[in-house]
Amino acid sequence: MVNVKIQRVSPTATFPTYGSEGAACMDLYADTKSMKESALDGVVWVEPHTTVKIPTGFAFQPPEGYCGLIFARSGLATKSGLRPANCVGVCDYDYTGIYTIAIHNDTDEPQIIHHGDRIAQLMFMEVDKINLIPTDTLEETKRGSGGFGSTGK
């Protein structure tokens, strides 16, 4: 088990949770009550084909050599058309600010995010630093330089 520091930055934030014993990621919750753009009850409208930044109210600090990865919640994406705008968010270990999710509405209808809604999932992963070695040639492989669709359907 890896220890990750978490700092509550907003008093209205909902602590991240795992949805089940076998969940790979923890759910992140919308802290819309901390937003100036939200209605008094913490409602935020996401207009069609637009993006709204939704804070979680928490800052994290994984150990050096780890990063936080923010993924879409499949239910939110399939039922409401809402997903992280950058598809997968990468939070480097040395970023210590509030984790904020840029939520994009892929539908033609306005969507609502309420305070406390589960808006994304977070996983921490170990990261290996890569040493790039310039070369004039690469070793031959069966696939070679075959691109999109080259391995079949």
C-alpha atoms as a PDB file:
ATOM      1  CA  MET A   1       0.000   0.000   0.000  1.00  0.00           C
ATOM      2  CA  VAL A   2       1.249   3.483  -0.922  1.00  0.00           C
ATOM      3  CA  ASN A   3       0.641   6.471   1.354  1.00  0.00           C
ATOM      4  CA  VAL A   4      -0.617   9.635  -0.357  1.00  0.00           C
ATOM      5  CA  LYS A   5      -1.074  12.851   1.591  1.00  0.00           C
ATOM      6  CA  ILE A   6      -4.455  14.562   1.168  1.00  0.00           C
ATOM      7  CA  GLN A   7      -5.285  18.102   2.259  1.00  0.00           C
ATOM      8  CA  ARG A   8      -8.868  19.349   2.598  1.00  0.00           C
ATOM      9  CA  VAL A   9      -8.829  22.807   1.020  1.00  0.00           C
ATOM     10  CA  SER A  10     -12.592  23.414   1.138  1.00  0.00           C
ATOM     11  CA  PRO A  11     -14.842  22.776   4.150  1.00  0.00           C
ATOM     12  CA  THR A  12     -17.653  21.645   1.812  1.00  0.00           C
ATOM     13  CA  ALA A  13     -15.596  18.992  -0.022  1.00  0.00           C
ATOM     14  CA  THR A  14     -16.608  15.313   0.050  1.00  0.00           C
ATOM     15  CA  PHE A  15     -13.773  12.918   0.920  1.00  0.00           C
ATOM     16  CA  PRO A  16     -12.821  10.560  -1.978  1.00  0.00           C
ATOM     17  CA  THR A  17     -14.081   6.993  -1.627  1.00  0.00           C
ATOM     18  CA  TYR A  18     -13.741   3.607  -3.306  1.00  0.00           C
ATOM     19  CA  GLY A  19     -17.035   2.418  -4.792  1.00  0.00           C
ATOM     20  CA  SER A  20     -16.354  -1.219  -4.026  1.00  0.00           C
ATOM     21  CA  GLU A  21     -13.753  -3.432  -2.393  1.00  0.00           C
ATOM     22  CA  GLY A  22     -12.266  -4.295  -5.797  1.00  0.00           C
ATOM     23  CA  ALA A  23     -12.318  -0.778  -7.279  1.00  0.00           C
ATOM     24  CA  ALA A  24      -9.057   0.278  -8.913  1.00  0.00           C
ATOM     25  CA  CYS A  25      -9.842   3.986  -8.603  1.00  0.00           C
ATOM     26  CA  MET A  26     -11.377   6.185  -5.936  1.00  0.00           C
ATOM     27  CA  ASP A  27     -14.301   8.434  -6.801  1.00  0.00           C
ATOM     28  CA  LEU A  28     -13.811  12.190  -6.799  1.00  0.00           C
ATOM     29  CA  TYR A  29     -16.764  14.368  -5.840  1.00  0.00           C
ATOM     30  CA  ALA A  30     -17.837  17.772  -7.118  1.00  0.00           C
ATOM     31  CA  ASP A  31     -17.279  20.576  -4.617  1.00  0.00           C
ATOM     32  CA  THR A  32     -19.609  22.977  -6.406  1.00  0.00           C
ATOM     33  CA  LYS A  33     -20.513  24.859  -3.221  1.00  0.00           C
ATOM     34  CA  SER A  34     -17.010  26.358  -3.286  1.00  0.00           C
ATOM     35  CA  MET A  35     -17.564  27.760  -6.802  1.00  0.00           C
ATOM     36  CA  LYS A  36     -18.647  31.335  -7.413  1.00  0.00           C
ATOM     37  CA  GLU A  37     -20.375  30.182 -10.632  1.00  0.00           C
ATOM     38  CA  SER A  38     -22.718  27.745  -8.864  1.00  0.00           C
ATOM     39  CA  ALA A  39     -26.208  28.454  -7.665  1.00  0.00           C
ATOM     40  CA  LEU A  40     -26.820  28.725  -3.912  1.00  0.00           C
ATOM     41  CA  ASP A  41     -27.630  25.016  -3.687  1.00  0.00           C
ATOM     42  CA  GLY A  42     -24.390  24.041  -5.433  1.00  0.00           C
ATOM     43  CA  VAL A  43     -25.861  23.429  -8.887  1.00  0.00           C
ATOM     44  CA  VAL A  44     -23.624  23.989 -11.911  1.00  0.00           C
ATOM     45  CA  TRP A  45     -24.937  23.895 -15.472  1.00  0.00           C
ATOM     46  CA  VAL A  46     -22.678  22.508 -18.190  1.00  0.00           C
ATOM     47  CA  GLU A  47     -23.964  23.815 -21.492  1.00  0.00           C
ATOM     48  CA  PRO A  48     -23.807  21.629 -24.627  1.00  0.00           C
ATOM     49  CA  HIS A  49     -20.313  21.138 -26.050  1.00  0.00           C
ATOM     50  CA  THR A  50     -18.692  23.301 -23.355  1.00  0.00           C
ATOM     51  CA  THR A  51     -16.277  22.647 -20.531  1.00  0.00           C
ATOM     52  CA  VAL A  52     -16.584  23.695 -16.882  1.00  0.00           C
ATOM     53  CA  LYS A  53     -13.852  23.369 -14.261  1.00  0.00           C
ATOM     54  CA  ILE A  54     -15.205  21.614 -11.165  1.00  0.00           C
ATOM     55  CA  PRO A  55     -13.034  21.581  -8.018  1.00  0.00           C
ATOM     56  CA  THR A  56     -12.806  18.539  -5.751  1.00  0.00           C
ATOM     57  CA  GLY A  57     -11.819  20.607  -2.715  1.00  0.00           C
ATOM     58  CA  PHE A  58      -8.724  18.484  -2.050  1.00  0.00           C
ATOM     59  CA  ALA A  59      -5.028  18.684  -2.826  1.00  0.00           C
ATOM     60  CA  PHE A  60      -2.927  15.524  -2.933  1.00  0.00           C
ATOM     61  CA  GLN A  61       0.747  14.767  -2.587  1.00  0.00           C
ATOM     62  CA  PRO A  62       1.793  11.316  -3.717  1.00  0.00           C
ATOM     63  CA  PRO A  63       5.348  10.203  -3.030  1.00  0.00           C
ATOM     64  CA  GLU A  64       8.057  11.087  -5.525  1.00  0.00           C
ATOM     65  CA  GLY A  65       7.907   8.659  -8.423  1.00  0.00           C
ATOM     66  CA  TYR A  66       4.086   8.535  -8.473  1.00  0.00           C
ATOM     67  CA  CYS A  67       1.433  10.515 -10.311  1.00  0.00           C
ATOM     68  CA  GLY A  68      -2.314  10.878 -10.015  1.00  0.00           C
ATOM     69  CA  LEU A  69      -4.368   9.827 -13.038  1.00  0.00           C
ATOM     70  CA  ILE A  70      -7.917  11.155 -13.393  1.00  0.00           C
ATOM     71  CA  PHE A  71     -10.340   9.102 -15.485  1.00  0.00           C
ATOM     72  CA  ALA A  72     -13.971   9.423 -16.548  1.00  0.00           C
ATOM     73  CA  ARG A  73     -16.711   7.675 -14.619  1.00  0.00           C
ATOM     74  CA  SER A  74     -18.349   5.337 -17.117  1.00  0.00           C
ATOM     75  CA  GLY A  75     -21.875   5.882 -15.784  1.00  0.00           C
ATOM     76  CA  LEU A  76     -21.590   9.667 -15.974  1.00  0.00           C
ATOM     77  CA  ALA A  77     -20.166   9.487 -19.498  1.00  0.00           C
ATOM     78  CA  THR A  78     -22.768   7.059 -20.865  1.00  0.00           C
ATOM     79  CA  LYS A  79     -25.842   8.418 -19.069  1.00  0.00           C
ATOM     80  CA  SER A  80     -25.122  12.170 -19.084  1.00  0.00           C
ATOM     81  CA  GLY A  81     -22.431  12.635 -21.738  1.00  0.00           C
ATOM     82  CA  LEU A  82     -20.070  14.218 -19.207  1.00  0.00           C
ATOM     83  CA  ARG A  83     -16.362  13.359 -19.166  1.00  0.00           C
ATOM     84  CA  PRO A  84     -13.018  14.933 -18.338  1.00  0.00           C
ATOM     85  CA  ALA A  85     -12.212  17.328 -21.184  1.00  0.00           C
ATOM     86  CA  ASN A  86      -8.656  16.057 -21.481  1.00  0.00           C
ATOM     87  CA  CYS A  87      -9.884  12.427 -21.304  1.00  0.00           C
ATOM     88  CA  VAL A  88      -7.164  11.431 -18.822  1.00  0.00           C
ATOM     89  CA  GLY A  89      -5.786  13.998 -16.423  1.00  0.00           C
ATOM     90  CA  VAL A  90      -2.200  13.605 -15.277  1.00  0.00           C
ATOM     91  CA  CYS A  91      -1.252  15.157 -11.929  1.00  0.00           C
ATOM     92  CA  ASP A  92       2.503  15.133 -11.394  1.00  0.00           C
ATOM     93  CA  TYR A  93       3.784  14.341  -7.906  1.00  0.00           C
ATOM     94  CA  ASP A  94       5.117  17.873  -7.473  1.00  0.00           C
ATOM     95  CA  TYR A  95       1.724  19.501  -8.178  1.00  0.00           C
ATOM     96  CA  THR A  96       0.199  20.305  -4.792  1.00  0.00           C
ATOM     97  CA  GLY A  97      -2.818  22.391  -5.789  1.00  0.00           C
ATOM     98  CA  ILE A  98      -6.500  21.484  -5.723  1.00  0.00           C
ATOM     99  CA  TYR A  99      -7.402  18.675  -8.071  1.00  0.00           C
ATOM    100  CA  THR A 100      -9.910  20.285 -10.424  1.00  0.00           C
ATOM    101  CA  ILE A 101     -11.758  18.327 -13.089  1.00  0.00           C
ATOM    102  CA  ALA A 102     -12.434  19.997 -16.439  1.00  0.00           C
ATOM    103  CA  ILE A 103     -15.823  18.431 -17.269  1.00  0.00           C
ATOM    104  CA  HIS A 104     -16.946  18.486 -20.908  1.00  0.00           C
ATOM    105  CA  ASN A 105     -20.548  18.013 -22.056  1.00  0.00           C
ATOM    106  CA  ASP A 106     -20.600  15.960 -25.258  1.00  0.00           C
ATOM    107  CA  THR A 107     -24.398  16.166 -25.613  1.00  0.00           C
ATOM    108  CA  ASP A 108     -26.713  18.671 -27.287  1.00  0.00           C
ATOM    109  CA  GLU A 109     -28.547  19.279 -23.980  1.00  0.00           C
ATOM    110  CA  PRO A 110     -27.460  21.226 -20.882  1.00  0.00           C
ATOM    111  CA  GLN A 111     -26.358  18.923 -18.048  1.00  0.00           C
ATOM    112  CA  ILE A 112     -26.401  19.593 -14.312  1.00  0.00           C
ATOM    113  CA  ILE A 113     -23.705  18.824 -11.756  1.00  0.00           C
ATOM    114  CA  HIS A 114     -24.803  18.946  -8.126  1.00  0.00           C
ATOM    115  CA  HIS A 115     -22.596  19.377  -5.125  1.00  0.00           C
ATOM    116  CA  GLY A 116     -21.371  15.948  -4.047  1.00  0.00           C
ATOM    117  CA  ASP A 117     -21.871  14.255  -7.429  1.00  0.00           C
ATOM    118  CA  ARG A 118     -19.193  11.735  -8.335  1.00  0.00           C
ATOM    119  CA  ILE A 119     -17.518  13.357 -11.347  1.00  0.00           C
ATOM    120  CA  ALA A 120     -14.309  11.403 -11.985  1.00  0.00           C
ATOM    121  CA  GLN A 121     -12.106   8.638 -10.640  1.00  0.00           C
ATOM    122  CA  LEU A 122      -8.559   8.893  -9.376  1.00  0.00           C
ATOM    123  CA  MET A 123      -5.749   6.356  -9.386  1.00  0.00           C
ATOM    124  CA  PHE A 124      -2.159   6.833  -8.270  1.00  0.00           C
ATOM    125  CA  MET A 125       0.491   5.017 -10.306  1.00  0.00           C
ATOM    126  CA  GLU A 126       4.201   4.568 -10.110  1.00  0.00           C
ATOM    127  CA  VAL A 127       6.080   6.344 -12.889  1.00  0.00           C
ATOM    128  CA  ASP A 128       9.407   5.224 -14.308  1.00  0.00           C
ATOM    129  CA  LYS A 129      11.581   7.973 -15.718  1.00  0.00           C
ATOM    130  CA  ILE A 130      12.618   7.162 -19.269  1.00  0.00           C
ATOM    131  CA  ASN A 131      16.029   7.798 -20.774  1.00  0.00           C
ATOM    132  CA  LEU A 132      15.633   8.563 -24.478  1.00  0.00           C
ATOM    133  CA  ILE A 133      18.497   7.253 -26.613  1.00  0.00           C
ATOM    134  CA  PRO A 134      18.809   8.920 -30.032  1.00  0.00           C
ATOM    135  CA  THR A 135      19.411   6.438 -32.868  1.00  0.00           C
ATOM    136  CA  ASP A 136      19.388   6.368 -36.668  1.00  0.00           C
ATOM    137  CA  THR A 137      17.605   3.001 -36.849  1.00  0.00           C
ATOM    138  CA  LEU A 138      15.206   0.891 -34.805  1.00  0.00           C
ATOM    139  CA  GLU A 139      15.198  -2.892 -34.514  1.00  0.00           C
ATOM    140  CA  GLU A 140      12.923  -4.719 -36.954  1.00  0.00           C
ATOM    141  CA  THR A 141       9.643  -6.107 -35.585  1.00  0.00           C
ATOM    142  CA  LYS A 142       6.863  -8.139 -37.169  1.00  0.00           C
ATOM    143  CA  ARG A 143       4.524  -5.120 -37.127  1.00  0.00           C
ATOM    144  CA  GLY A 144       7.116  -2.612 -38.224  1.00  0.00           C
ATOM    145  CA  SER A 145       5.753   0.863 -38.880  1.00  0.00           C
ATOM    146  CA  GLY A 146       2.182  -0.335 -39.561  1.00  0.00           C
ATOM    147  CA  GLY A 147      -0.147   2.250 -38.114  1.00  0.00           C
ATOM    148  CA  PHE A 148      -3.870   2.548 -37.461  1.00  0.00           C
ATOM    149  CA  GLY A 149      -5.678  -0.732 -38.109  1.00  0.00           C
ATOM    150  CA  SER A 150      -2.543  -2.582 -39.177  1.00  0.00           C
ATOM    151  CA  THR A 151      -3.136  -5.386 -36.664  1.00  0.00           C
ATOM    152  CA  GLY A 152      -6.749  -5.987 -37.778  1.00  0.00           C
ATOM    153  CA  LYS A 153     -10.132  -5.369 -36.207  1.00  0.00           C
END
